[in-house]
C-alpha atoms as a PDB file:
ATOM      1  CA  UNK A   1      -7.249 178.621  21.618  1.00  0.00           C
ATOM      2  CA  UNK A   2      -3.848 179.638  20.244  1.00  0.00           C
ATOM      3  CA  UNK A   3      -0.953 178.098  22.142  1.00  0.00           C
ATOM      4  CA  UNK A   4       1.789 180.229  23.690  1.00  0.00           C
ATOM      5  CA  UNK A   5       5.092 179.790  21.856  1.00  0.00           C
ATOM      6  CA  UNK A   6       7.816 179.308  24.469  1.00  0.00           C
ATOM      7  CA  UNK A   7      11.158 180.960  23.631  1.00  0.00           C
ATOM      8  CA  UNK A   8      13.371 180.519  26.702  1.00  0.00           C
ATOM      9  CA  UNK A   9      14.136 177.251  28.490  1.00  0.00           C
ATOM     10  CA  UNK A  10      15.506 176.755  32.005  1.00  0.00           C
ATOM     11  CA  UNK A  11      18.793 175.127  31.056  1.00  0.00           C
ATOM     12  CA  UNK A  12      19.578 177.396  28.086  1.00  0.00           C
ATOM     13  CA  UNK A  13      19.179 180.957  29.377  1.00  0.00           C
ATOM     14  CA  UNK A  14      22.117 183.354  29.349  1.00  0.00           C
ATOM     15  CA  UNK A  15      23.201 186.009  31.862  1.00  0.00           C
ATOM     16  CA  UNK A  16      21.743 189.426  31.141  1.00  0.00           C
ATOM     17  CA  UNK A  17      18.828 188.130  29.066  1.00  0.00           C
ATOM     18  CA  UNK A  18      15.511 189.888  29.613  1.00  0.00           C
ATOM     19  CA  UNK A  19      12.848 187.192  29.834  1.00  0.00           C
ATOM     20  CA  UNK A  20       9.102 187.266  29.425  1.00  0.00           C
ATOM     21  CA  UNK A  21       8.009 183.650  29.116  1.00  0.00           C
ATOM     22  CA  UNK A  22       5.939 180.835  30.594  1.00  0.00           C
ATOM     23  CA  UNK A  23       7.193 178.426  33.258  1.00  0.00           C
ATOM     24  CA  UNK A  24       5.556 176.018  35.667  1.00  0.00           C
ATOM     25  CA  UNK A  25       6.116 176.722  39.371  1.00  0.00           C
ATOM     26  CA  UNK A  26       7.336 173.454  40.856  1.00  0.00           C
ATOM     27  CA  UNK A  27       7.856 174.939  44.316  1.00  0.00           C
ATOM     28  CA  UNK A  28       7.238 178.369  45.821  1.00  0.00           C
ATOM     29  CA  UNK A  29       8.592 179.307  49.239  1.00  0.00           C
ATOM     30  CA  UNK A  30       8.103 182.555  51.104  1.00  0.00           C
ATOM     31  CA  UNK A  31      11.219 183.810  52.920  1.00  0.00           C
ATOM     32  CA  UNK A  32      11.856 186.473  55.520  1.00  0.00           C
ATOM     33  CA  UNK A  33      14.995 188.520  56.072  1.00  0.00           C
ATOM     34  CA  UNK A  34      14.583 190.935  58.995  1.00  0.00           C
ATOM     35  CA  UNK A  35      11.379 192.785  58.126  1.00  0.00           C
ATOM     36  CA  UNK A  36      11.613 192.055  54.403  1.00  0.00           C
ATOM     37  CA  UNK A  37       9.709 189.297  52.634  1.00  0.00           C
ATOM     38  CA  UNK A  38      10.526 187.642  49.337  1.00  0.00           C
ATOM     39  CA  UNK A  39       9.814 184.460  47.340  1.00  0.00           C
ATOM     40  CA  UNK A  40      12.132 181.723  46.139  1.00  0.00           C
ATOM     41  CA  UNK A  41      10.732 179.649  43.256  1.00  0.00           C
ATOM     42  CA  UNK A  42      11.739 176.563  41.328  1.00  0.00           C
ATOM     43  CA  UNK A  43      10.628 177.140  37.733  1.00  0.00           C
ATOM     44  CA  UNK A  44      10.145 174.072  35.558  1.00  0.00           C
ATOM     45  CA  UNK A  45      10.106 173.257  31.848  1.00  0.00           C
ATOM     46  CA  UNK A  46      11.128 170.239  29.762  1.00  0.00           C
ATOM     47  CA  UNK A  47      14.858 171.007  30.145  1.00  0.00           C
ATOM     48  CA  UNK A  48      14.825 171.071  33.947  1.00  0.00           C
ATOM     49  CA  UNK A  49      14.498 173.756  36.599  1.00  0.00           C
ATOM     50  CA  UNK A  50      15.875 177.205  37.289  1.00  0.00           C
ATOM     51  CA  UNK A  51      15.599 179.240  40.490  1.00  0.00           C
ATOM     52  CA  UNK A  52      13.600 182.435  40.415  1.00  0.00           C
ATOM     53  CA  UNK A  53      13.615 185.138  43.092  1.00  0.00           C
ATOM     54  CA  UNK A  54      10.965 187.769  43.729  1.00  0.00           C
ATOM     55  CA  UNK A  55      12.553 190.358  45.969  1.00  0.00           C
ATOM     56  CA  UNK A  56      10.818 192.784  48.326  1.00  0.00           C
ATOM     57  CA  UNK A  57      10.223 195.535  45.743  1.00  0.00           C
ATOM     58  CA  UNK A  58       8.231 193.087  43.560  1.00  0.00           C
ATOM     59  CA  UNK A  59       6.602 191.115  46.382  1.00  0.00           C
ATOM     60  CA  UNK A  60       2.831 190.492  46.188  1.00  0.00           C
ATOM     61  CA  UNK A  61       0.815 188.396  48.635  1.00  0.00           C
ATOM     62  CA  UNK A  62      -1.299 186.939  45.814  1.00  0.00           C
ATOM     63  CA  UNK A  63       1.772 185.092  44.505  1.00  0.00           C
ATOM     64  CA  UNK A  64       1.381 182.628  47.396  1.00  0.00           C
ATOM     65  CA  UNK A  65      -1.498 181.032  45.463  1.00  0.00           C
ATOM     66  CA  UNK A  66       0.584 180.465  42.312  1.00  0.00           C
ATOM     67  CA  UNK A  67       2.401 177.320  43.466  1.00  0.00           C
ATOM     68  CA  UNK A  68       2.095 174.385  41.020  1.00  0.00           C
ATOM     69  CA  UNK A  69       0.583 176.628  38.360  1.00  0.00           C
ATOM     70  CA  UNK A  70       1.635 177.934  34.958  1.00  0.00           C
ATOM     71  CA  UNK A  71       2.817 181.544  35.057  1.00  0.00           C
ATOM     72  CA  UNK A  72       4.237 184.126  32.697  1.00  0.00           C
ATOM     73  CA  UNK A  73       7.438 185.401  34.258  1.00  0.00           C
ATOM     74  CA  UNK A  74       9.004 188.782  33.480  1.00  0.00           C
ATOM     75  CA  UNK A  75      12.536 189.311  34.675  1.00  0.00           C
ATOM     76  CA  UNK A  76      16.275 189.251  34.041  1.00  0.00           C
ATOM     77  CA  UNK A  77      18.775 186.360  34.136  1.00  0.00           C
ATOM     78  CA  UNK A  78      21.563 186.935  36.653  1.00  0.00           C
ATOM     79  CA  UNK A  79      24.450 184.776  37.849  1.00  0.00           C
ATOM     80  CA  UNK A  80      24.698 183.877  41.517  1.00  0.00           C
ATOM     81  CA  UNK A  81      27.770 181.820  42.438  1.00  0.00           C
ATOM     82  CA  UNK A  82      28.113 180.978  38.720  1.00  0.00           C
ATOM     83  CA  UNK A  83      24.554 179.591  38.593  1.00  0.00           C
ATOM     84  CA  UNK A  84      21.906 181.296  36.402  1.00  0.00           C
ATOM     85  CA  UNK A  85      18.819 182.566  38.213  1.00  0.00           C
ATOM     86  CA  UNK A  86      15.911 184.763  37.221  1.00  0.00           C
ATOM     87  CA  UNK A  87      15.303 188.009  39.100  1.00  0.00           C
ATOM     88  CA  UNK A  88      11.539 188.298  38.655  1.00  0.00           C
ATOM     89  CA  UNK A  89       9.869 191.701  38.447  1.00  0.00           C
ATOM     90  CA  UNK A  90       6.370 190.518  37.518  1.00  0.00           C
ATOM     91  CA  UNK A  91       4.391 187.275  37.370  1.00  0.00           C
ATOM     92  CA  UNK A  92       0.904 186.432  36.056  1.00  0.00           C
ATOM     93  CA  UNK A  93      -1.148 183.245  35.934  1.00  0.00           C
ATOM     94  CA  UNK A  94      -1.542 181.488  32.574  1.00  0.00           C
ATOM     95  CA  UNK A  95      -4.422 179.293  31.432  1.00  0.00           C
ATOM     96  CA  UNK A  96      -3.083 175.693  31.300  1.00  0.00           C
ATOM     97  CA  UNK A  97      -4.973 175.178  28.043  1.00  0.00           C
ATOM     98  CA  UNK A  98      -2.869 177.933  26.450  1.00  0.00           C
ATOM     99  CA  UNK A  99       0.473 176.128  26.859  1.00  0.00           C
ATOM    100  CA  UNK A 100       2.072 173.375  24.808  1.00  0.00           C
ATOM    101  CA  UNK A 101       2.500 170.607  27.359  1.00  0.00           C
ATOM    102  CA  UNK A 102       5.432 169.286  25.272  1.00  0.00           C
ATOM    103  CA  UNK A 103       7.367 172.392  26.389  1.00  0.00           C
ATOM    104  CA  UNK A 104       7.167 171.234  30.005  1.00  0.00           C
ATOM    105  CA  UNK A 105       7.322 167.441  30.027  1.00  0.00           C
ATOM    106  CA  UNK A 106       8.174 164.564  27.718  1.00  0.00           C
ATOM    107  CA  UNK A 107       5.152 163.246  25.801  1.00  0.00           C
ATOM    108  CA  UNK A 108       5.333 159.685  24.492  1.00  0.00           C
ATOM    109  CA  UNK A 109       4.963 159.296  20.722  1.00  0.00           C
ATOM    110  CA  UNK A 110       2.666 156.805  18.961  1.00  0.00           C
ATOM    111  CA  UNK A 111       0.046 156.763  21.720  1.00  0.00           C
ATOM    112  CA  UNK A 112      -2.771 156.422  19.206  1.00  0.00           C
ATOM    113  CA  UNK A 113      -1.122 153.301  17.771  1.00  0.00           C
ATOM    114  CA  UNK A 114      -0.768 151.818  21.250  1.00  0.00           C
ATOM    115  CA  UNK A 115      -4.411 152.489  21.963  1.00  0.00           C
ATOM    116  CA  UNK A 116      -5.449 150.842  18.693  1.00  0.00           C
ATOM    117  CA  UNK A 117      -3.570 147.751  19.845  1.00  0.00           C
ATOM    118  CA  UNK A 118      -5.390 147.868  23.173  1.00  0.00           C
ATOM    119  CA  UNK A 119      -8.745 148.081  21.382  1.00  0.00           C
ATOM    120  CA  UNK A 120      -7.781 145.118  19.189  1.00  0.00           C
ATOM    121  CA  UNK A 121      -7.046 143.026  22.275  1.00  0.00           C
ATOM    122  CA  UNK A 122     -10.306 144.080  23.924  1.00  0.00           C
ATOM    123  CA  UNK A 123     -12.161 142.753  20.867  1.00  0.00           C
ATOM    124  CA  UNK A 124     -10.564 139.344  21.530  1.00  0.00           C
ATOM    125  CA  UNK A 125     -12.162 139.003  24.993  1.00  0.00           C
ATOM    126  CA  UNK A 126     -14.858 136.323  24.874  1.00  0.00           C
ATOM    127  CA  UNK A 127     -16.211 136.620  28.421  1.00  0.00           C
ATOM    128  CA  UNK A 128     -19.247 138.953  28.258  1.00  0.00           C
ATOM    129  CA  UNK A 129     -18.796 140.137  31.850  1.00  0.00           C
ATOM    130  CA  UNK A 130     -15.077 140.932  31.494  1.00  0.00           C
ATOM    131  CA  UNK A 131     -15.620 142.650  28.143  1.00  0.00           C
ATOM    132  CA  UNK A 132     -18.386 144.819  29.623  1.00  0.00           C
ATOM    133  CA  UNK A 133     -16.157 145.774  32.531  1.00  0.00           C
ATOM    134  CA  UNK A 134     -13.173 146.612  30.311  1.00  0.00           C
ATOM    135  CA  UNK A 135     -15.319 148.660  27.946  1.00  0.00           C
ATOM    136  CA  UNK A 136     -16.760 150.576  30.905  1.00  0.00           C
ATOM    137  CA  UNK A 137     -13.311 152.196  31.277  1.00  0.00           C
ATOM    138  CA  UNK A 138     -11.712 151.908  27.845  1.00  0.00           C
ATOM    139  CA  UNK A 139     -14.884 152.971  26.027  1.00  0.00           C
ATOM    140  CA  UNK A 140     -15.433 156.281  27.823  1.00  0.00           C
ATOM    141  CA  UNK A 141     -13.935 159.304  26.037  1.00  0.00           C
ATOM    142  CA  UNK A 142     -13.139 161.187  29.255  1.00  0.00           C
ATOM    143  CA  UNK A 143     -11.414 158.170  30.804  1.00  0.00           C
ATOM    144  CA  UNK A 144      -9.448 157.468  27.620  1.00  0.00           C
ATOM    145  CA  UNK A 145      -8.378 161.113  27.463  1.00  0.00           C
ATOM    146  CA  UNK A 146      -7.149 160.819  31.058  1.00  0.00           C
ATOM    147  CA  UNK A 147      -5.277 157.598  30.202  1.00  0.00           C
ATOM    148  CA  UNK A 148      -3.482 159.276  27.306  1.00  0.00           C
ATOM    149  CA  UNK A 149      -2.246 162.057  29.612  1.00  0.00           C
ATOM    150  CA  UNK A 150      -1.454 159.897  32.633  1.00  0.00           C
ATOM    151  CA  UNK A 151       2.031 158.737  33.676  1.00  0.00           C
ATOM    152  CA  UNK A 152       2.974 155.168  34.503  1.00  0.00           C
ATOM    153  CA  UNK A 153       4.824 156.408  37.580  1.00  0.00           C
ATOM    154  CA  UNK A 154       6.122 159.565  39.232  1.00  0.00           C
ATOM    155  CA  UNK A 155       9.882 159.022  39.402  1.00  0.00           C
ATOM    156  CA  UNK A 156      10.982 155.434  38.881  1.00  0.00           C
ATOM    157  CA  UNK A 157       9.416 154.291  35.610  1.00  0.00           C
ATOM    158  CA  UNK A 158       7.265 155.622  32.731  1.00  0.00           C
ATOM    159  CA  UNK A 159       7.269 159.064  34.361  1.00  0.00           C
ATOM    160  CA  UNK A 160       5.974 161.035  31.397  1.00  0.00           C
ATOM    161  CA  UNK A 161       2.733 161.907  29.610  1.00  0.00           C
ATOM    162  CA  UNK A 162       1.368 158.730  28.046  1.00  0.00           C
ATOM    163  CA  UNK A 163       3.433 156.496  30.326  1.00  0.00           C
ATOM    164  CA  UNK A 164       0.290 154.757  31.540  1.00  0.00           C
ATOM    165  CA  UNK A 165      -0.708 153.693  28.010  1.00  0.00           C
ATOM    166  CA  UNK A 166       2.851 152.733  27.019  1.00  0.00           C
ATOM    167  CA  UNK A 167       3.317 150.600  30.139  1.00  0.00           C
ATOM    168  CA  UNK A 168      -0.146 149.026  29.907  1.00  0.00           C
ATOM    169  CA  UNK A 169       0.397 148.092  26.254  1.00  0.00           C
ATOM    170  CA  UNK A 170       3.828 146.622  27.013  1.00  0.00           C
ATOM    171  CA  UNK A 171       2.534 144.500  29.894  1.00  0.00           C
ATOM    172  CA  UNK A 172      -0.431 143.387  27.796  1.00  0.00           C
ATOM    173  CA  UNK A 173       1.656 142.273  24.820  1.00  0.00           C
ATOM    174  CA  UNK A 174       4.404 140.687  26.917  1.00  0.00           C
ATOM    175  CA  UNK A 175       1.884 138.696  28.969  1.00  0.00           C
ATOM    176  CA  UNK A 176       0.088 137.454  25.847  1.00  0.00           C
ATOM    177  CA  UNK A 177       3.380 136.601  24.167  1.00  0.00           C
ATOM    178  CA  UNK A 178       4.457 134.509  27.151  1.00  0.00           C
ATOM    179  CA  UNK A 179       1.046 132.821  27.240  1.00  0.00           C
ATOM    180  CA  UNK A 180       1.327 131.819  23.584  1.00  0.00           C
ATOM    181  CA  UNK A 181       4.866 130.555  24.135  1.00  0.00           C
ATOM    182  CA  UNK A 182       3.692 128.582  27.170  1.00  0.00           C
ATOM    183  CA  UNK A 183       1.002 126.854  25.122  1.00  0.00           C
ATOM    184  CA  UNK A 184       3.587 125.801  22.528  1.00  0.00           C
ATOM    185  CA  UNK A 185       6.556 124.911  24.762  1.00  0.00           C
ATOM    186  CA  UNK A 186       5.127 123.512  27.982  1.00  0.00           C
ATOM    187  CA  UNK A 187       4.720 119.702  28.004  1.00  0.00           C
ATOM    188  CA  UNK A 188       1.842 119.907  30.524  1.00  0.00           C
ATOM    189  CA  UNK A 189      -0.107 122.756  28.944  1.00  0.00           C
ATOM    190  CA  UNK A 190      -2.320 123.804  31.838  1.00  0.00           C
ATOM    191  CA  UNK A 191      -5.161 126.035  30.734  1.00  0.00           C
ATOM    192  CA  UNK A 192      -4.519 129.786  30.760  1.00  0.00           C
ATOM    193  CA  UNK A 193      -7.471 132.166  30.725  1.00  0.00           C
ATOM    194  CA  UNK A 194      -6.690 134.625  27.921  1.00  0.00           C
ATOM    195  CA  UNK A 195      -9.626 136.855  28.889  1.00  0.00           C
ATOM    196  CA  UNK A 196      -8.213 137.272  32.392  1.00  0.00           C
ATOM    197  CA  UNK A 197      -4.729 137.954  31.052  1.00  0.00           C
ATOM    198  CA  UNK A 198      -6.000 140.713  28.761  1.00  0.00           C
ATOM    199  CA  UNK A 199      -8.291 142.198  31.419  1.00  0.00           C
ATOM    200  CA  UNK A 200      -5.648 141.852  34.136  1.00  0.00           C
ATOM    201  CA  UNK A 201      -3.032 143.653  32.051  1.00  0.00           C
ATOM    202  CA  UNK A 202      -5.466 146.463  31.253  1.00  0.00           C
ATOM    203  CA  UNK A 203      -6.508 146.863  34.899  1.00  0.00           C
ATOM    204  CA  UNK A 204      -3.330 146.055  36.843  1.00  0.00           C
ATOM    205  CA  UNK A 205      -2.391 149.761  37.092  1.00  0.00           C
ATOM    206  CA  UNK A 206      -5.794 151.380  36.561  1.00  0.00           C
ATOM    207  CA  UNK A 207      -5.561 152.915  40.047  1.00  0.00           C
ATOM    208  CA  UNK A 208      -2.740 155.173  38.830  1.00  0.00           C
ATOM    209  CA  UNK A 209      -5.364 157.305  37.125  1.00  0.00           C
ATOM    210  CA  UNK A 210      -6.335 158.395  40.646  1.00  0.00           C
ATOM    211  CA  UNK A 211      -2.935 158.040  42.284  1.00  0.00           C
ATOM    212  CA  UNK A 212      -1.157 160.797  40.334  1.00  0.00           C
ATOM    213  CA  UNK A 213      -1.880 164.376  39.419  1.00  0.00           C
ATOM    214  CA  UNK A 214      -1.689 165.512  35.810  1.00  0.00           C
ATOM    215  CA  UNK A 215       1.401 166.884  34.049  1.00  0.00           C
ATOM    216  CA  UNK A 216       3.797 168.566  34.265  1.00  0.00           C
ATOM    217  CA  UNK A 217       4.618 167.181  37.729  1.00  0.00           C
ATOM    218  CA  UNK A 218       3.245 163.813  38.713  1.00  0.00           C
ATOM    219  CA  UNK A 219       2.813 164.227  42.439  1.00  0.00           C
ATOM    220  CA  UNK A 220       0.633 161.803  44.351  1.00  0.00           C
ATOM    221  CA  UNK A 221      -2.897 162.834  45.128  1.00  0.00           C
ATOM    222  CA  UNK A 222      -4.265 162.629  48.666  1.00  0.00           C
ATOM    223  CA  UNK A 223      -5.956 159.285  47.925  1.00  0.00           C
ATOM    224  CA  UNK A 224      -2.799 158.155  46.128  1.00  0.00           C
ATOM    225  CA  UNK A 225      -0.770 158.737  49.273  1.00  0.00           C
ATOM    226  CA  UNK A 226      -3.315 157.181  51.623  1.00  0.00           C
ATOM    227  CA  UNK A 227      -4.233 154.121  49.540  1.00  0.00           C
ATOM    228  CA  UNK A 228      -1.860 153.630  46.598  1.00  0.00           C
ATOM    229  CA  UNK A 229      -2.796 152.515  43.118  1.00  0.00           C
ATOM    230  CA  UNK A 230      -3.392 148.842  43.956  1.00  0.00           C
ATOM    231  CA  UNK A 231      -6.173 149.542  46.471  1.00  0.00           C
ATOM    232  CA  UNK A 232      -7.494 152.369  44.319  1.00  0.00           C
ATOM    233  CA  UNK A 233      -7.586 150.026  41.322  1.00  0.00           C
ATOM    234  CA  UNK A 234      -9.553 147.361  43.177  1.00  0.00           C
ATOM    235  CA  UNK A 235     -11.949 150.059  44.400  1.00  0.00           C
ATOM    236  CA  UNK A 236     -12.417 151.448  40.865  1.00  0.00           C
ATOM    237  CA  UNK A 237     -13.133 147.996  39.417  1.00  0.00           C
ATOM    238  CA  UNK A 238     -15.542 147.164  42.267  1.00  0.00           C
ATOM    239  CA  UNK A 239     -17.397 150.465  41.830  1.00  0.00           C
ATOM    240  CA  UNK A 240     -17.658 149.913  38.072  1.00  0.00           C
ATOM    241  CA  UNK A 241     -19.069 146.440  38.681  1.00  0.00           C
ATOM    242  CA  UNK A 242     -21.751 147.928  40.957  1.00  0.00           C
ATOM    243  CA  UNK A 243     -22.707 150.461  38.264  1.00  0.00           C
ATOM    244  CA  UNK A 244     -22.990 147.732  35.615  1.00  0.00           C
ATOM    245  CA  UNK A 245     -25.014 145.471  37.893  1.00  0.00           C
ATOM    246  CA  UNK A 246     -27.371 148.373  38.647  1.00  0.00           C
ATOM    247  CA  UNK A 247     -27.922 148.552  34.887  1.00  0.00           C
ATOM    248  CA  UNK A 248     -28.919 144.889  34.868  1.00  0.00           C
ATOM    249  CA  UNK A 249     -25.576 143.571  33.606  1.00  0.00           C
ATOM    250  CA  UNK A 250     -24.596 140.455  35.520  1.00  0.00           C
ATOM    251  CA  UNK A 251     -20.884 139.894  36.099  1.00  0.00           C
ATOM    252  CA  UNK A 252     -19.304 136.512  36.713  1.00  0.00           C
ATOM    253  CA  UNK A 253     -18.270 136.375  40.378  1.00  0.00           C
ATOM    254  CA  UNK A 254     -15.307 134.043  39.751  1.00  0.00           C
ATOM    255  CA  UNK A 255     -13.991 136.343  36.997  1.00  0.00           C
ATOM    256  CA  UNK A 256     -14.274 139.335  39.313  1.00  0.00           C
ATOM    257  CA  UNK A 257     -12.439 137.597  42.151  1.00  0.00           C
ATOM    258  CA  UNK A 258      -9.576 136.508  39.902  1.00  0.00           C
ATOM    259  CA  UNK A 259      -9.351 139.902  38.204  1.00  0.00           C
ATOM    260  CA  UNK A 260      -9.095 141.717  41.530  1.00  0.00           C
ATOM    261  CA  UNK A 261      -6.512 139.162  42.638  1.00  0.00           C
ATOM    262  CA  UNK A 262      -4.387 140.048  39.598  1.00  0.00           C
ATOM    263  CA  UNK A 263      -4.484 143.722  40.611  1.00  0.00           C
ATOM    264  CA  UNK A 264      -3.767 142.931  44.285  1.00  0.00           C
ATOM    265  CA  UNK A 265      -0.800 140.677  43.492  1.00  0.00           C
ATOM    266  CA  UNK A 266       0.787 142.664  40.637  1.00  0.00           C
ATOM    267  CA  UNK A 267       3.690 143.738  42.890  1.00  0.00           C
ATOM    268  CA  UNK A 268       4.437 140.243  44.182  1.00  0.00           C
ATOM    269  CA  UNK A 269       5.596 140.368  47.815  1.00  0.00           C
ATOM    270  CA  UNK A 270       5.850 144.169  47.673  1.00  0.00           C
ATOM    271  CA  UNK A 271       2.045 144.353  47.453  1.00  0.00           C
ATOM    272  CA  UNK A 272      -0.855 143.168  49.621  1.00  0.00           C
ATOM    273  CA  UNK A 273      -0.601 139.562  48.421  1.00  0.00           C
ATOM    274  CA  UNK A 274       1.549 137.329  46.206  1.00  0.00           C
ATOM    275  CA  UNK A 275       0.217 135.823  42.950  1.00  0.00           C
ATOM    276  CA  UNK A 276      -1.778 132.635  43.497  1.00  0.00           C
ATOM    277  CA  UNK A 277      -2.929 131.974  39.934  1.00  0.00           C
ATOM    278  CA  UNK A 278      -0.903 131.439  36.778  1.00  0.00           C
ATOM    279  CA  UNK A 279      -2.538 134.464  35.149  1.00  0.00           C
ATOM    280  CA  UNK A 280      -1.638 136.677  38.121  1.00  0.00           C
ATOM    281  CA  UNK A 281       1.954 135.432  38.055  1.00  0.00           C
ATOM    282  CA  UNK A 282       2.276 136.170  34.333  1.00  0.00           C
ATOM    283  CA  UNK A 283       0.956 139.722  34.763  1.00  0.00           C
ATOM    284  CA  UNK A 284       3.202 140.363  37.779  1.00  0.00           C
ATOM    285  CA  UNK A 285       6.269 139.192  35.848  1.00  0.00           C
ATOM    286  CA  UNK A 286       5.413 141.264  32.777  1.00  0.00           C
ATOM    287  CA  UNK A 287       4.798 144.292  34.972  1.00  0.00           C
ATOM    288  CA  UNK A 288       8.123 143.903  36.765  1.00  0.00           C
ATOM    289  CA  UNK A 289      10.102 143.434  33.545  1.00  0.00           C
ATOM    290  CA  UNK A 290       8.689 146.495  31.856  1.00  0.00           C
ATOM    291  CA  UNK A 291       9.019 148.640  34.990  1.00  0.00           C
ATOM    292  CA  UNK A 292      12.641 147.601  35.506  1.00  0.00           C
ATOM    293  CA  UNK A 293      13.706 148.364  31.942  1.00  0.00           C
ATOM    294  CA  UNK A 294      11.883 151.705  31.967  1.00  0.00           C
ATOM    295  CA  UNK A 295      13.566 152.611  35.285  1.00  0.00           C
ATOM    296  CA  UNK A 296      16.992 152.184  33.661  1.00  0.00           C
ATOM    297  CA  UNK A 297      15.851 154.115  30.580  1.00  0.00           C
ATOM    298  CA  UNK A 298      14.551 156.925  32.791  1.00  0.00           C
ATOM    299  CA  UNK A 299      17.821 157.185  34.686  1.00  0.00           C
ATOM    300  CA  UNK A 300      19.879 157.239  31.485  1.00  0.00           C
ATOM    301  CA  UNK A 301      17.670 160.039  30.167  1.00  0.00           C
ATOM    302  CA  UNK A 302      17.858 162.114  33.355  1.00  0.00           C
ATOM    303  CA  UNK A 303      21.646 161.780  33.469  1.00  0.00           C
ATOM    304  CA  UNK A 304      21.960 162.866  29.845  1.00  0.00           C
ATOM    305  CA  UNK A 305      23.025 159.588  28.222  1.00  0.00           C
ATOM    306  CA  UNK A 306      22.026 159.217  24.567  1.00  0.00           C
ATOM    307  CA  UNK A 307      22.739 156.800  21.750  1.00  0.00           C
ATOM    308  CA  UNK A 308      25.180 159.305  20.216  1.00  0.00           C
ATOM    309  CA  UNK A 309      27.268 159.557  23.397  1.00  0.00           C
ATOM    310  CA  UNK A 310      30.925 158.773  22.813  1.00  0.00           C
ATOM    311  CA  UNK A 311      31.971 157.084  26.049  1.00  0.00           C
ATOM    312  CA  UNK A 312      30.773 154.023  27.925  1.00  0.00           C
ATOM    313  CA  UNK A 313      30.041 154.896  31.539  1.00  0.00           C
ATOM    314  CA  UNK A 314      28.250 153.803  34.682  1.00  0.00           C
ATOM    315  CA  UNK A 315      25.223 155.726  35.903  1.00  0.00           C
ATOM    316  CA  UNK A 316      24.859 157.080  39.406  1.00  0.00           C
ATOM    317  CA  UNK A 317      23.610 154.690  42.074  1.00  0.00           C
ATOM    318  CA  UNK A 318      19.979 153.674  41.568  1.00  0.00           C
ATOM    319  CA  UNK A 319      18.267 153.370  44.958  1.00  0.00           C
ATOM    320  CA  UNK A 320      15.342 151.398  43.534  1.00  0.00           C
ATOM    321  CA  UNK A 321      17.530 148.663  42.042  1.00  0.00           C
ATOM    322  CA  UNK A 322      20.356 149.189  44.562  1.00  0.00           C
ATOM    323  CA  UNK A 323      23.038 149.277  41.886  1.00  0.00           C
ATOM    324  CA  UNK A 324      24.500 151.374  39.077  1.00  0.00           C
ATOM    325  CA  UNK A 325      23.951 150.636  35.387  1.00  0.00           C
ATOM    326  CA  UNK A 326      26.534 150.305  32.642  1.00  0.00           C
ATOM    327  CA  UNK A 327      25.886 152.272  29.458  1.00  0.00           C
ATOM    328  CA  UNK A 328      27.688 151.365  26.242  1.00  0.00           C
ATOM    329  CA  UNK A 329      26.420 153.443  23.300  1.00  0.00           C
ATOM    330  CA  UNK A 330      28.795 151.727  20.878  1.00  0.00           C
ATOM    331  CA  UNK A 331      27.648 148.161  21.388  1.00  0.00           C
ATOM    332  CA  UNK A 332      28.250 145.710  18.557  1.00  0.00           C
ATOM    333  CA  UNK A 333      24.545 145.400  17.787  1.00  0.00           C
ATOM    334  CA  UNK A 334      21.521 147.621  18.339  1.00  0.00           C
ATOM    335  CA  UNK A 335      17.828 146.965  17.856  1.00  0.00           C
END
């Protein structure tokens, strides 16, 4: 199927421009003024949002069903209190497969390379039961396709297409790096289970595949709201274990208990339980580090800070970290 070539973007339209282009309806609200009905829409693409209005003369009841869908909008850009808006005369649904998702949301680069690294690490697992369980998810084409489209979060961190894979790979490599450093530097050298560290990193956020809807907006699903990704992840792993056991594949009970503990404790005291094994503590720390750095990166991006910015500034207040962040694009050294 040929993809629709988008010409106009929300933050770049000019007054008086006649528009016929595709947007995603982020919100759609029906309004009433006396006996007249109209719609107020928030239209989304990769540059942000723009308000669209469908006044009484263009009103159609069927438009109520268009919320959170791709539509082709026909209308004219007007200024209202110095803010551009689109006066919409016509609107039609568009097949999601006909749009370039990159026009509506950021898509992480190098996802295939990240996934190759994940597959390399899976090959290093020596426990037959853990390898079977990991391959149950990471060996299914449909699940992998979902992973490559999934976010790592909805607002705070890795909130883009491919965020799940980027975050999972980062946690995986950071946890293994710390484990190797521990073996070299620690005078006591307690045993660390590499198989559990690899499996735990790959599964610690697996529930996010069910917690969030697909792009371009990563709203929580019903089960995501009611359970959250930690409980969903434990449920997914438990269900997969039942399927494998029904096929005659026996899983090590101790491995399963410790793996589910890693998922349950990946948020430290903010989750159901705190880490009680060294492997769980390593995964929780790696998860927190990567999430924190991505949260700052996400805020810098949303506030328009880039490496070619000329001034050092502080960001707006970050409610998650309860502070602002300092941005200095002209630092003495960059990676």
